[in-house]
Protein backbone atom coordinates (compact mmCIF):
# COMPACT_ATOMS: atom_id res chain seq x y z
CA UNK A 1 89.84 96.82 124.49
CA UNK A 2 89.90 97.40 120.79
CA UNK A 3 88.61 94.52 118.61
CA UNK A 4 89.55 94.26 114.92
CA UNK A 5 92.39 94.04 112.52
CA UNK A 6 96.11 94.84 112.91
CA UNK A 7 97.98 95.14 109.63
CA UNK A 8 100.98 96.80 107.99
CA UNK A 9 100.20 99.77 105.87
CA UNK A 10 102.62 100.69 103.06
CA UNK A 11 102.07 104.32 102.16
CA UNK A 12 103.39 105.37 98.78
CA UNK A 13 103.57 109.29 98.42
CA UNK A 14 103.84 110.78 94.93
CA UNK A 15 104.70 114.36 93.96
CA UNK A 16 101.57 116.46 93.90
CA UNK A 17 102.65 117.92 90.63
CA UNK A 18 103.71 114.72 88.93
CA UNK A 19 102.24 115.28 85.39
CA UNK A 20 102.35 111.55 84.58
CA UNK A 21 99.61 110.97 87.20
CA UNK A 22 96.04 111.95 86.05
CA UNK A 23 93.43 112.96 88.57
CA UNK A 24 89.72 113.43 87.53
CA UNK A 25 88.21 114.84 90.73
CA UNK A 26 84.66 114.91 89.12
CA UNK A 27 84.56 111.23 88.50
CA UNK A 28 87.02 110.47 91.38
CA UNK A 29 89.44 108.58 89.19
CA UNK A 30 93.27 108.39 89.56
CA UNK A 31 95.37 106.84 86.73
CA UNK A 32 99.00 106.01 86.12
CA UNK A 33 101.00 105.22 82.99
CA UNK A 34 100.81 101.50 82.26
CA UNK A 35 104.04 99.48 82.34
CA UNK A 36 106.27 102.48 83.48
CA UNK A 37 108.42 103.30 86.47
CA UNK A 38 107.02 106.22 88.47
CA UNK A 39 109.27 107.99 91.11
CA UNK A 40 107.94 108.30 94.65
CA UNK A 41 108.52 111.07 97.13
CA UNK A 42 108.58 108.53 99.98
CA UNK A 43 107.46 105.08 101.07
CA UNK A 44 106.66 104.25 104.64
CA UNK A 45 105.72 100.97 106.38
CA UNK A 46 103.47 101.68 109.39
CA UNK A 47 101.24 99.94 111.93
CA UNK A 48 97.79 99.92 110.46
CA UNK A 49 94.34 98.41 110.96
CA UNK A 50 91.42 100.40 112.60
CA UNK A 51 91.58 98.59 116.02
CA UNK A 52 95.44 98.78 116.13
CA UNK A 53 95.42 102.47 115.47
CA UNK A 54 92.77 103.31 117.90
CA UNK A 55 94.45 101.11 120.56
CA UNK A 56 97.71 102.95 120.10
CA UNK A 57 95.96 106.33 120.19
CA UNK A 58 94.07 105.57 123.38
CA UNK A 59 97.25 104.35 125.09
CA UNK A 60 99.06 107.57 124.08
CA UNK A 61 95.94 109.44 125.63
CA UNK A 62 96.67 107.76 128.92
CA UNK A 63 94.28 104.73 128.98
CA UNK A 64 95.13 101.23 129.70
CA UNK A 65 94.56 99.43 126.33
CA UNK A 66 94.50 95.91 125.07
CA UNK A 67 94.14 94.74 121.38
CA UNK A 68 91.98 91.76 120.52
CA UNK A 69 93.21 90.61 117.08
CA UNK A 70 94.42 87.63 115.21
CA UNK A 71 97.85 87.82 113.73
CA UNK A 72 100.01 85.59 111.53
CA UNK A 73 103.61 84.49 112.02
CA UNK A 74 105.42 86.30 109.24
CA UNK A 75 107.79 89.22 109.31
CA UNK A 76 105.07 91.73 109.01
CA UNK A 77 103.27 90.29 112.08
CA UNK A 78 106.61 90.61 113.98
CA UNK A 79 106.72 94.26 113.03
CA UNK A 80 103.22 94.77 114.26
CA UNK A 81 103.93 93.02 117.58
CA UNK A 82 107.23 94.96 118.09
CA UNK A 83 105.39 98.23 117.31
CA UNK A 84 102.59 97.55 119.72
CA UNK A 85 105.03 96.57 122.42
CA UNK A 86 106.86 99.90 121.92
CA UNK A 87 103.51 101.61 122.31
CA UNK A 88 102.83 99.62 125.63
CA UNK A 89 99.50 98.13 124.21
CA UNK A 90 98.54 95.00 126.09
CA UNK A 91 98.90 91.99 123.74
CA UNK A 92 97.58 89.25 126.16
CA UNK A 93 94.36 88.96 123.92
CA UNK A 94 96.22 88.59 120.59
CA UNK A 95 96.07 85.22 118.85
CA UNK A 96 98.87 84.11 116.56
CA UNK A 97 99.03 81.24 114.01
CA UNK A 98 101.00 80.34 110.88
CA UNK A 99 100.27 82.14 107.71
CA UNK A 100 100.49 85.55 106.06
CA UNK A 101 99.54 88.93 107.41
CA UNK A 102 96.69 91.06 106.04
CA UNK A 103 98.16 93.96 104.13
CA UNK A 104 97.23 97.39 102.69
CA UNK A 105 98.88 99.77 100.33
CA UNK A 106 98.02 103.39 100.40
CA UNK A 107 98.68 105.90 97.62
CA UNK A 108 98.98 109.53 98.88
CA UNK A 109 98.40 112.13 96.13
CA UNK A 110 97.28 115.81 96.45
CA UNK A 111 96.06 115.49 100.00
CA UNK A 112 93.92 112.35 99.55
CA UNK A 113 94.73 108.65 100.01
CA UNK A 114 93.53 105.60 98.04
CA UNK A 115 93.83 102.24 99.84
CA UNK A 116 94.28 98.81 98.34
CA UNK A 117 93.34 96.25 101.17
CA UNK A 118 93.90 92.50 101.28
CA UNK A 119 92.29 90.58 104.01
CA UNK A 120 93.61 87.09 105.05
CA UNK A 121 90.77 84.72 105.99
CA UNK A 122 90.60 84.48 109.80
CA UNK A 123 88.39 82.35 112.07
CA UNK A 124 88.71 84.84 115.06
CA UNK A 125 88.10 82.46 117.98
CA UNK A 126 87.81 85.18 120.47
CA UNK A 127 86.19 84.72 123.85
CA UNK A 128 85.28 87.57 126.18
CA UNK A 129 84.28 85.77 129.37
CA UNK A 130 87.55 86.47 131.14
CA UNK A 131 87.83 90.07 130.12
CA UNK A 132 86.71 93.08 132.26
CA UNK A 133 86.79 96.45 130.52
CA UNK A 134 85.06 99.83 130.75
CA UNK A 135 84.92 100.28 127.03
CA UNK A 136 85.02 98.16 123.87
CA UNK A 137 85.94 99.70 120.53
CA UNK A 138 84.73 97.33 117.80
CA UNK A 139 85.45 97.72 114.10
CA UNK A 140 85.84 95.64 110.95
CA UNK A 141 87.23 91.99 111.08
CA UNK A 142 87.70 91.03 107.52
CA UNK A 143 85.46 88.39 105.85
CA UNK A 144 84.60 86.29 109.01
CA UNK A 145 83.14 88.48 111.73
CA UNK A 146 79.47 87.83 112.60
CA UNK A 147 80.14 85.46 115.39
CA UNK A 148 82.60 87.95 117.10
CA UNK A 149 79.87 90.71 116.82
CA UNK A 150 77.31 88.36 118.46
CA UNK A 151 79.66 87.51 121.34
CA UNK A 152 80.28 91.26 121.98
CA UNK A 153 76.60 91.88 121.97
CA UNK A 154 76.09 89.27 124.57
CA UNK A 155 79.01 90.70 126.63
CA UNK A 156 77.72 94.36 126.61
CA UNK A 157 74.18 93.23 127.31
CA UNK A 158 75.48 91.34 130.36
CA UNK A 159 78.07 93.87 131.50
CA UNK A 160 75.83 96.93 131.89
CA UNK A 161 78.76 99.31 132.84
CA UNK A 162 80.73 98.52 129.67
CA UNK A 163 80.47 101.17 126.93
CA UNK A 164 80.43 99.96 123.23
CA UNK A 165 82.00 102.29 120.65
CA UNK A 166 81.25 100.79 117.16
CA UNK A 167 82.81 101.58 113.81
CA UNK A 168 81.37 99.11 111.22
CA UNK A 169 83.74 98.55 108.23
CA UNK A 170 83.14 98.45 104.50
CA UNK A 171 82.72 94.64 104.46
CA UNK A 172 79.94 94.98 107.05
CA UNK A 173 78.10 97.46 104.86
CA UNK A 174 78.55 95.19 101.84
CA UNK A 175 76.82 92.39 103.66
CA UNK A 176 74.04 94.78 104.65
CA UNK A 177 73.04 96.87 107.67
CA UNK A 178 70.75 93.98 108.79
CA UNK A 179 73.80 91.80 109.57
CA UNK A 180 74.99 94.14 112.38
CA UNK A 181 71.89 96.18 113.28
CA UNK A 182 71.51 94.18 116.46
CA UNK A 183 74.58 95.98 117.83
CA UNK A 184 73.16 99.46 117.23
CA UNK A 185 70.83 99.58 120.31
CA UNK A 186 73.78 98.52 122.47
CA UNK A 187 76.15 101.20 121.00
CA UNK A 188 77.04 104.33 122.95
CA UNK A 189 79.31 105.94 120.29
CA UNK A 190 78.82 105.27 116.63
CA UNK A 191 81.48 106.14 114.08
CA UNK A 192 80.24 106.36 110.40
CA UNK A 193 80.51 108.77 107.46
CA UNK A 194 77.51 110.48 105.87
CA UNK A 195 76.99 107.75 103.20
CA UNK A 196 77.17 104.95 105.79
CA UNK A 197 74.67 106.84 108.03
CA UNK A 198 72.25 107.04 104.93
CA UNK A 199 72.53 103.28 104.55
CA UNK A 200 71.73 102.73 108.19
CA UNK A 201 68.56 104.89 108.20
CA UNK A 202 67.81 103.88 104.62
CA UNK A 203 67.22 107.56 103.37
CA UNK A 204 69.23 110.39 102.02
CA UNK A 205 69.21 113.41 104.35
CA UNK A 206 71.34 116.24 105.64
CA UNK A 207 73.66 115.58 108.58
CA UNK A 208 71.41 116.95 111.16
CA UNK A 209 68.42 114.74 110.12
CA UNK A 210 70.69 111.65 109.87
CA UNK A 211 71.91 112.32 113.50
CA UNK A 212 68.26 112.50 114.60
CA UNK A 213 67.40 109.30 112.86
């Protein structure tokens, strides 16, 4: 099972040589003319969200996969549901309610993407007592998430044959490593980038040293 968010990603792709767009790589700043229309190369609306993407990828790789997520009832949620049905991802653990979907807009420019992300507040009333799985992939859950992480910790501690793969999100790191560190001893596979690894071990080091820590 994959546990996290399912959203719609709108990807806006600009011409790499559009001179109206200014990129400062040294300061990592991207700027656009204010109050003007800027032509796009393309615009795509795709399934998104870490748990959603990993669930689809694992299903394509031949694994039976279920998504644990909370969705709204608007047209974007319908697109998410239909896309996951097409991919044959199990939706029996998806919770739906009235409201708006979470959404993100990605800007593709010169081989790099910049994301604008909006998370709708969710209560995530997930229960794992009736789930049997060989692997849990856990990732970010928006602004309300600690109770879900605690339930998964209890599940993995109880079900010794279940593997936990963990990819904490930016909101978890904003709240501090201490808010999710109880999951780390239970984690078999951890996905973080170098900056996140430095926050976990509380020191700056090269990649080999970070892996050892």
